[in-house]
Amino acid sequence: MTTRTKKLVSALIVTMAITGLVFAITPTIVSADAGSLIESGLETAAGDNYEDVSLSTYAGNVIGALLAATGIIFIVITVYAGVMYMTAAGDEAKVKKAKSMIVTSLIGIIIIVGAYAFTTFVVRELSDAASATQTQDE
């Protein structure tokens, strides 16, 4: 083994050990609140009080879910392009295609995050304006 290969292998082992420790410790820390979080989330999702949900909030939730799904697709494309880049084995065509995919998917992720932030802001403001209008009418 060359010195470079030994350094890479040792860095990989250290990274895997740290990742293993994080995954081993995290469940015990998170599990204390996980039950109450899941319970409150289920109560919110399965609640029967749908009069409180305005059209703007509902539309914002739908748009947010669609943006989240699109973001996941872009992350999968980024990971696929990364694997393609790592397995190109020096083939310039594959490297060029992988780099192009990585750049375009990162641009897509940036656009999705911006759209999500904009949607969250607009929905919050519309919801606040609607609740203020209802309060003034009463």
N, C-alpha and C. Protein backbone atom coordinates (compact mmCIF):
# COMPACT_ATOMS: atom_id res chain seq x y z
N MET A 1 0.83 -1.18 0.00
CA MET A 1 0.00 0.00 0.00
C MET A 1 0.88 1.24 0.00
N THR A 2 0.45 2.21 -0.76
CA THR A 2 1.19 3.46 -0.78
C THR A 2 0.80 4.30 0.44
N THR A 3 1.57 5.34 0.66
CA THR A 3 1.29 6.22 1.80
C THR A 3 -0.05 6.91 1.63
N ARG A 4 -0.35 7.30 0.40
CA ARG A 4 -1.63 7.98 0.15
C ARG A 4 -2.80 7.04 0.42
N THR A 5 -2.70 5.81 -0.01
CA THR A 5 -3.76 4.83 0.22
C THR A 5 -3.93 4.56 1.71
N LYS A 6 -2.84 4.47 2.44
CA LYS A 6 -2.92 4.25 3.88
C LYS A 6 -3.61 5.43 4.57
N LYS A 7 -3.31 6.66 4.14
CA LYS A 7 -3.96 7.82 4.72
C LYS A 7 -5.44 7.82 4.42
N LEU A 8 -5.80 7.45 3.20
CA LEU A 8 -7.21 7.40 2.82
C LEU A 8 -7.96 6.35 3.62
N VAL A 9 -7.36 5.19 3.77
CA VAL A 9 -8.01 4.11 4.53
C VAL A 9 -8.16 4.51 5.99
N SER A 10 -7.13 5.13 6.57
CA SER A 10 -7.23 5.52 7.98
C SER A 10 -8.26 6.64 8.15
N ALA A 11 -8.33 7.57 7.20
CA ALA A 11 -9.35 8.63 7.28
C ALA A 11 -10.74 8.04 7.16
N LEU A 12 -10.90 7.06 6.29
CA LEU A 12 -12.19 6.39 6.13
C LEU A 12 -12.59 5.65 7.40
N ILE A 13 -11.66 4.99 8.03
CA ILE A 13 -11.96 4.26 9.27
C ILE A 13 -12.35 5.23 10.38
N VAL A 14 -11.63 6.34 10.50
CA VAL A 14 -11.95 7.32 11.53
C VAL A 14 -13.34 7.91 11.27
N THR A 15 -13.64 8.24 10.01
CA THR A 15 -14.95 8.78 9.66
C THR A 15 -16.06 7.79 9.98
N MET A 16 -15.85 6.54 9.65
CA MET A 16 -16.86 5.51 9.94
C MET A 16 -17.04 5.34 11.44
N ALA A 17 -15.96 5.41 12.20
CA ALA A 17 -16.07 5.27 13.66
C ALA A 17 -16.85 6.43 14.26
N ILE A 18 -16.56 7.64 13.81
CA ILE A 18 -17.29 8.81 14.33
C ILE A 18 -18.76 8.73 13.95
N THR A 19 -19.03 8.36 12.70
CA THR A 19 -20.42 8.21 12.26
C THR A 19 -21.15 7.15 13.08
N GLY A 20 -20.48 6.03 13.34
CA GLY A 20 -21.08 4.98 14.16
C GLY A 20 -21.39 5.45 15.55
N LEU A 21 -20.49 6.21 16.14
CA LEU A 21 -20.73 6.75 17.48
C LEU A 21 -21.91 7.71 17.49
N VAL A 22 -21.98 8.55 16.47
CA VAL A 22 -23.10 9.50 16.41
C VAL A 22 -24.42 8.76 16.31
N PHE A 23 -24.48 7.75 15.45
CA PHE A 23 -25.72 6.98 15.30
C PHE A 23 -26.01 6.13 16.53
N ALA A 24 -25.00 5.75 17.27
CA ALA A 24 -25.22 4.95 18.48
C ALA A 24 -25.71 5.82 19.64
N ILE A 25 -25.22 7.06 19.71
CA ILE A 25 -25.58 7.93 20.83
C ILE A 25 -26.89 8.67 20.58
N THR A 26 -27.14 9.09 19.36
CA THR A 26 -28.30 9.92 19.04
C THR A 26 -29.63 9.30 19.44
N PRO A 27 -29.90 8.03 19.17
CA PRO A 27 -31.21 7.49 19.55
C PRO A 27 -31.52 7.59 21.03
N THR A 28 -30.52 7.45 21.88
CA THR A 28 -30.80 7.54 23.31
C THR A 28 -31.11 8.97 23.72
N ILE A 29 -30.51 9.94 23.06
CA ILE A 29 -30.77 11.34 23.38
C ILE A 29 -32.14 11.74 22.86
N VAL A 30 -32.46 11.34 21.64
CA VAL A 30 -33.69 11.77 20.98
C VAL A 30 -34.90 11.00 21.49
N SER A 31 -34.72 9.76 21.93
CA SER A 31 -35.86 8.92 22.28
C SER A 31 -36.67 9.47 23.44
N ALA A 32 -36.09 10.28 24.28
CA ALA A 32 -36.83 10.83 25.42
C ALA A 32 -37.98 11.70 24.96
N ASP A 33 -37.77 12.52 23.93
CA ASP A 33 -38.81 13.40 23.44
C ASP A 33 -39.54 12.84 22.23
N ALA A 34 -39.06 11.77 21.66
CA ALA A 34 -39.64 11.27 20.42
C ALA A 34 -41.09 10.84 20.61
N GLY A 35 -41.40 10.18 21.71
CA GLY A 35 -42.77 9.72 21.94
C GLY A 35 -43.75 10.87 22.02
N SER A 36 -43.40 11.90 22.76
CA SER A 36 -44.31 13.04 22.88
C SER A 36 -44.41 13.80 21.57
N LEU A 37 -43.31 13.89 20.82
CA LEU A 37 -43.36 14.58 19.53
C LEU A 37 -44.24 13.83 18.53
N ILE A 38 -44.10 12.52 18.50
CA ILE A 38 -44.92 11.72 17.59
C ILE A 38 -46.39 11.82 17.98
N GLU A 39 -46.65 11.73 19.28
CA GLU A 39 -48.04 11.81 19.74
C GLU A 39 -48.68 13.15 19.40
N SER A 40 -47.97 14.24 19.65
CA SER A 40 -48.54 15.55 19.34
C SER A 40 -48.69 15.74 17.84
N GLY A 41 -47.76 15.21 17.06
CA GLY A 41 -47.88 15.30 15.60
C GLY A 41 -49.07 14.53 15.08
N LEU A 42 -49.30 13.34 15.62
CA LEU A 42 -50.45 12.55 15.20
C LEU A 42 -51.75 13.21 15.61
N GLU A 43 -51.79 13.80 16.80
CA GLU A 43 -53.00 14.50 17.24
C GLU A 43 -53.29 15.69 16.34
N THR A 44 -52.24 16.40 15.94
CA THR A 44 -52.42 17.54 15.05
C THR A 44 -52.90 17.09 13.68
N ALA A 45 -52.30 16.02 13.16
CA ALA A 45 -52.65 15.55 11.82
C ALA A 45 -54.03 14.92 11.80
N ALA A 46 -54.42 14.25 12.85
CA ALA A 46 -55.69 13.55 12.87
C ALA A 46 -56.78 14.33 13.59
N GLY A 47 -56.51 15.57 13.91
CA GLY A 47 -57.50 16.36 14.63
C GLY A 47 -58.77 16.56 13.81
N ASP A 48 -59.85 16.89 14.49
CA ASP A 48 -61.13 17.07 13.80
C ASP A 48 -61.52 18.54 13.71
N ASN A 49 -60.62 19.43 14.03
CA ASN A 49 -60.92 20.86 14.02
C ASN A 49 -60.34 21.47 12.75
N TYR A 50 -61.03 21.29 11.62
CA TYR A 50 -60.52 21.77 10.35
C TYR A 50 -60.99 23.18 10.03
N GLU A 51 -61.84 23.78 10.84
CA GLU A 51 -62.28 25.14 10.58
C GLU A 51 -61.15 26.15 10.75
N ASP A 52 -60.15 25.82 11.55
CA ASP A 52 -59.06 26.75 11.81
C ASP A 52 -58.07 26.83 10.65
N VAL A 53 -58.13 25.91 9.70
CA VAL A 53 -57.18 25.90 8.59
C VAL A 53 -57.73 26.78 7.47
N SER A 54 -57.02 27.86 7.18
CA SER A 54 -57.46 28.76 6.11
C SER A 54 -56.98 28.21 4.77
N LEU A 55 -57.53 28.76 3.73
CA LEU A 55 -57.14 28.34 2.38
C LEU A 55 -55.67 28.61 2.13
N SER A 56 -55.19 29.75 2.59
CA SER A 56 -53.77 30.07 2.37
C SER A 56 -52.86 29.09 3.10
N THR A 57 -53.25 28.70 4.31
CA THR A 57 -52.44 27.73 5.05
C THR A 57 -52.46 26.37 4.37
N TYR A 58 -53.63 25.95 3.91
CA TYR A 58 -53.74 24.66 3.23
C TYR A 58 -52.91 24.67 1.95
N ALA A 59 -53.04 25.73 1.15
CA ALA A 59 -52.27 25.83 -0.09
C ALA A 59 -50.78 25.86 0.21
N GLY A 60 -50.39 26.57 1.25
CA GLY A 60 -48.98 26.61 1.63
C GLY A 60 -48.45 25.25 2.06
N ASN A 61 -49.28 24.48 2.77
CA ASN A 61 -48.86 23.14 3.17
C ASN A 61 -48.69 22.23 1.97
N VAL A 62 -49.60 22.33 1.00
CA VAL A 62 -49.49 21.51 -0.21
C VAL A 62 -48.25 21.90 -1.01
N ILE A 63 -48.04 23.21 -1.18
CA ILE A 63 -46.86 23.67 -1.92
C ILE A 63 -45.58 23.27 -1.19
N GLY A 64 -45.57 23.38 0.12
CA GLY A 64 -44.40 22.98 0.90
C GLY A 64 -44.09 21.50 0.75
N ALA A 65 -45.13 20.67 0.73
CA ALA A 65 -44.92 19.23 0.55
C ALA A 65 -44.37 18.94 -0.84
N LEU A 66 -44.90 19.62 -1.85
CA LEU A 66 -44.39 19.42 -3.22
C LEU A 66 -42.95 19.88 -3.34
N LEU A 67 -42.62 21.00 -2.73
CA LEU A 67 -41.24 21.49 -2.77
C LEU A 67 -40.30 20.54 -2.02
N ALA A 68 -40.76 19.98 -0.91
CA ALA A 68 -39.94 19.03 -0.17
C ALA A 68 -39.68 17.78 -1.00
N ALA A 69 -40.71 17.28 -1.68
CA ALA A 69 -40.53 16.10 -2.54
C ALA A 69 -39.57 16.41 -3.69
N THR A 70 -39.69 17.59 -4.27
CA THR A 70 -38.79 17.98 -5.35
C THR A 70 -37.36 18.11 -4.83
N GLY A 71 -37.19 18.64 -3.64
CA GLY A 71 -35.87 18.74 -3.04
C GLY A 71 -35.23 17.38 -2.82
N ILE A 72 -36.04 16.42 -2.39
CA ILE A 72 -35.54 15.06 -2.21
C ILE A 72 -35.07 14.48 -3.53
N ILE A 73 -35.83 14.74 -4.60
CA ILE A 73 -35.44 14.24 -5.92
C ILE A 73 -34.10 14.85 -6.33
N PHE A 74 -33.91 16.16 -6.10
CA PHE A 74 -32.64 16.79 -6.45
C PHE A 74 -31.49 16.23 -5.62
N ILE A 75 -31.73 15.91 -4.37
CA ILE A 75 -30.67 15.33 -3.54
C ILE A 75 -30.30 13.93 -4.06
N VAL A 76 -31.30 13.15 -4.46
CA VAL A 76 -31.02 11.83 -5.03
C VAL A 76 -30.20 11.97 -6.32
N ILE A 77 -30.55 12.96 -7.15
CA ILE A 77 -29.79 13.18 -8.38
C ILE A 77 -28.35 13.58 -8.05
N THR A 78 -28.17 14.40 -7.02
CA THR A 78 -26.82 14.81 -6.61
C THR A 78 -26.00 13.61 -6.14
N VAL A 79 -26.60 12.75 -5.35
CA VAL A 79 -25.90 11.55 -4.88
C VAL A 79 -25.56 10.64 -6.06
N TYR A 80 -26.51 10.46 -6.97
CA TYR A 80 -26.27 9.63 -8.16
C TYR A 80 -25.12 10.20 -8.98
N ALA A 81 -25.10 11.52 -9.17
CA ALA A 81 -24.03 12.15 -9.94
C ALA A 81 -22.69 12.00 -9.22
N GLY A 82 -22.70 12.07 -7.90
CA GLY A 82 -21.48 11.86 -7.14
C GLY A 82 -20.93 10.45 -7.29
N VAL A 83 -21.82 9.48 -7.27
CA VAL A 83 -21.39 8.09 -7.48
C VAL A 83 -20.87 7.93 -8.90
N MET A 84 -21.55 8.55 -9.86
CA MET A 84 -21.10 8.48 -11.24
C MET A 84 -19.71 9.09 -11.39
N TYR A 85 -19.48 10.20 -10.70
CA TYR A 85 -18.18 10.86 -10.75
C TYR A 85 -17.09 9.99 -10.14
N MET A 86 -17.41 9.35 -9.01
CA MET A 86 -16.40 8.53 -8.34
C MET A 86 -16.09 7.26 -9.10
N THR A 87 -17.05 6.75 -9.85
CA THR A 87 -16.84 5.50 -10.58
C THR A 87 -16.49 5.74 -12.05
N ALA A 88 -16.18 6.97 -12.43
CA ALA A 88 -15.86 7.28 -13.83
C ALA A 88 -14.55 6.65 -14.26
N ALA A 89 -13.67 6.39 -13.35
CA ALA A 89 -12.38 5.73 -13.63
C ALA A 89 -11.59 6.46 -14.70
N GLY A 90 -11.64 7.79 -14.68
CA GLY A 90 -10.83 8.58 -15.60
C GLY A 90 -11.47 8.83 -16.95
N ASP A 91 -12.64 8.29 -17.19
CA ASP A 91 -13.33 8.52 -18.46
C ASP A 91 -13.85 9.96 -18.48
N GLU A 92 -13.28 10.77 -19.36
CA GLU A 92 -13.60 12.20 -19.38
C GLU A 92 -15.07 12.48 -19.68
N ALA A 93 -15.70 11.67 -20.51
CA ALA A 93 -17.11 11.89 -20.84
C ALA A 93 -17.99 11.68 -19.60
N LYS A 94 -17.70 10.63 -18.84
CA LYS A 94 -18.47 10.38 -17.62
C LYS A 94 -18.22 11.46 -16.57
N VAL A 95 -16.97 11.89 -16.45
CA VAL A 95 -16.63 12.93 -15.49
C VAL A 95 -17.35 14.23 -15.85
N LYS A 96 -17.35 14.58 -17.13
CA LYS A 96 -18.01 15.81 -17.58
C LYS A 96 -19.52 15.73 -17.33
N LYS A 97 -20.11 14.58 -17.64
CA LYS A 97 -21.55 14.41 -17.43
C LYS A 97 -21.88 14.49 -15.93
N ALA A 98 -21.06 13.85 -15.09
CA ALA A 98 -21.30 13.86 -13.64
C ALA A 98 -21.16 15.27 -13.08
N LYS A 99 -20.14 16.00 -13.51
CA LYS A 99 -19.97 17.38 -13.03
C LYS A 99 -21.15 18.24 -13.45
N SER A 100 -21.62 18.06 -14.67
CA SER A 100 -22.76 18.81 -15.16
C SER A 100 -24.01 18.49 -14.33
N MET A 101 -24.22 17.21 -14.03
CA MET A 101 -25.37 16.82 -13.21
C MET A 101 -25.27 17.40 -11.81
N ILE A 102 -24.07 17.40 -11.23
CA ILE A 102 -23.90 17.94 -9.88
C ILE A 102 -24.21 19.43 -9.87
N VAL A 103 -23.69 20.16 -10.85
CA VAL A 103 -23.92 21.61 -10.89
C VAL A 103 -25.41 21.91 -11.07
N THR A 104 -26.06 21.23 -12.00
CA THR A 104 -27.47 21.52 -12.24
C THR A 104 -28.35 21.10 -11.07
N SER A 105 -28.00 20.00 -10.41
CA SER A 105 -28.81 19.58 -9.27
C SER A 105 -28.60 20.52 -8.08
N LEU A 106 -27.39 21.03 -7.89
CA LEU A 106 -27.17 22.00 -6.82
C LEU A 106 -27.91 23.31 -7.09
N ILE A 107 -27.93 23.73 -8.35
CA ILE A 107 -28.72 24.91 -8.71
C ILE A 107 -30.20 24.64 -8.42
N GLY A 108 -30.67 23.45 -8.75
CA GLY A 108 -32.06 23.09 -8.45
C GLY A 108 -32.36 23.11 -6.97
N ILE A 109 -31.43 22.60 -6.16
CA ILE A 109 -31.62 22.59 -4.71
C ILE A 109 -31.69 24.03 -4.18
N ILE A 110 -30.82 24.90 -4.70
CA ILE A 110 -30.83 26.31 -4.27
C ILE A 110 -32.17 26.95 -4.63
N ILE A 111 -32.67 26.68 -5.84
CA ILE A 111 -33.96 27.23 -6.25
C ILE A 111 -35.08 26.70 -5.36
N ILE A 112 -35.06 25.42 -5.06
CA ILE A 112 -36.11 24.81 -4.23
C ILE A 112 -36.07 25.40 -2.81
N VAL A 113 -34.89 25.57 -2.24
CA VAL A 113 -34.80 26.14 -0.90
C VAL A 113 -35.31 27.58 -0.90
N GLY A 114 -34.96 28.33 -1.94
CA GLY A 114 -35.47 29.70 -2.04
C GLY A 114 -36.98 29.74 -2.19
N ALA A 115 -37.51 28.85 -3.02
CA ALA A 115 -38.97 28.80 -3.20
C ALA A 115 -39.66 28.39 -1.92
N TYR A 116 -39.07 27.46 -1.17
CA TYR A 116 -39.65 27.03 0.10
C TYR A 116 -39.66 28.18 1.10
N ALA A 117 -38.55 28.93 1.16
CA ALA A 117 -38.49 30.06 2.09
C ALA A 117 -39.51 31.13 1.69
N PHE A 118 -39.62 31.40 0.40
CA PHE A 118 -40.57 32.40 -0.08
C PHE A 118 -42.00 31.95 0.21
N THR A 119 -42.31 30.69 -0.05
CA THR A 119 -43.65 30.17 0.20
C THR A 119 -43.99 30.23 1.68
N THR A 120 -43.05 29.84 2.53
CA THR A 120 -43.28 29.89 3.97
C THR A 120 -43.56 31.32 4.42
N PHE A 121 -42.80 32.28 3.92
CA PHE A 121 -42.99 33.67 4.28
C PHE A 121 -44.37 34.17 3.82
N VAL A 122 -44.71 33.90 2.56
CA VAL A 122 -45.99 34.39 2.02
C VAL A 122 -47.17 33.76 2.76
N VAL A 123 -47.11 32.47 3.00
CA VAL A 123 -48.22 31.80 3.68
C VAL A 123 -48.36 32.32 5.11
N ARG A 124 -47.26 32.53 5.80
CA ARG A 124 -47.32 33.06 7.16
C ARG A 124 -47.94 34.46 7.16
N GLU A 125 -47.53 35.30 6.22
CA GLU A 125 -48.07 36.66 6.16
C GLU A 125 -49.55 36.64 5.79
N LEU A 126 -49.95 35.80 4.84
CA LEU A 126 -51.36 35.70 4.48
C LEU A 126 -52.19 35.17 5.64
N SER A 127 -51.66 34.20 6.34
CA SER A 127 -52.36 33.64 7.48
C SER A 127 -52.51 34.67 8.59
N ASP A 128 -51.45 35.44 8.84
CA ASP A 128 -51.52 36.50 9.86
C ASP A 128 -52.52 37.58 9.45
N ALA A 129 -52.53 37.93 8.16
CA ALA A 129 -53.46 38.95 7.68
C ALA A 129 -54.89 38.46 7.78
N ALA A 130 -55.12 37.17 7.47
CA ALA A 130 -56.47 36.63 7.55
C ALA A 130 -56.95 36.56 9.00
N SER A 131 -56.07 36.18 9.91
CA SER A 131 -56.49 36.11 11.31
C SER A 131 -56.71 37.51 11.87
N ALA A 132 -55.93 38.51 11.41
CA ALA A 132 -56.14 39.89 11.88
C ALA A 132 -57.47 40.43 11.36
N THR A 133 -57.84 40.07 10.12
CA THR A 133 -59.11 40.51 9.54
C THR A 133 -60.27 39.89 10.30
N GLN A 134 -60.18 38.62 10.65
CA GLN A 134 -61.24 37.95 11.39
C GLN A 134 -61.38 38.56 12.79
N THR A 135 -60.28 38.94 13.41
CA THR A 135 -60.32 39.53 14.74
C THR A 135 -60.98 40.91 14.69
N GLN A 136 -60.72 41.69 13.66
CA GLN A 136 -61.30 43.01 13.54
C GLN A 136 -62.80 42.94 13.26
N ASP A 137 -63.23 41.92 12.52
CA ASP A 137 -64.65 41.78 12.19
C ASP A 137 -65.48 41.40 13.41
N GLU A 138 -64.90 40.75 14.36
CA GLU A 138 -65.65 40.26 15.53
C GLU A 138 -65.80 41.28 16.58
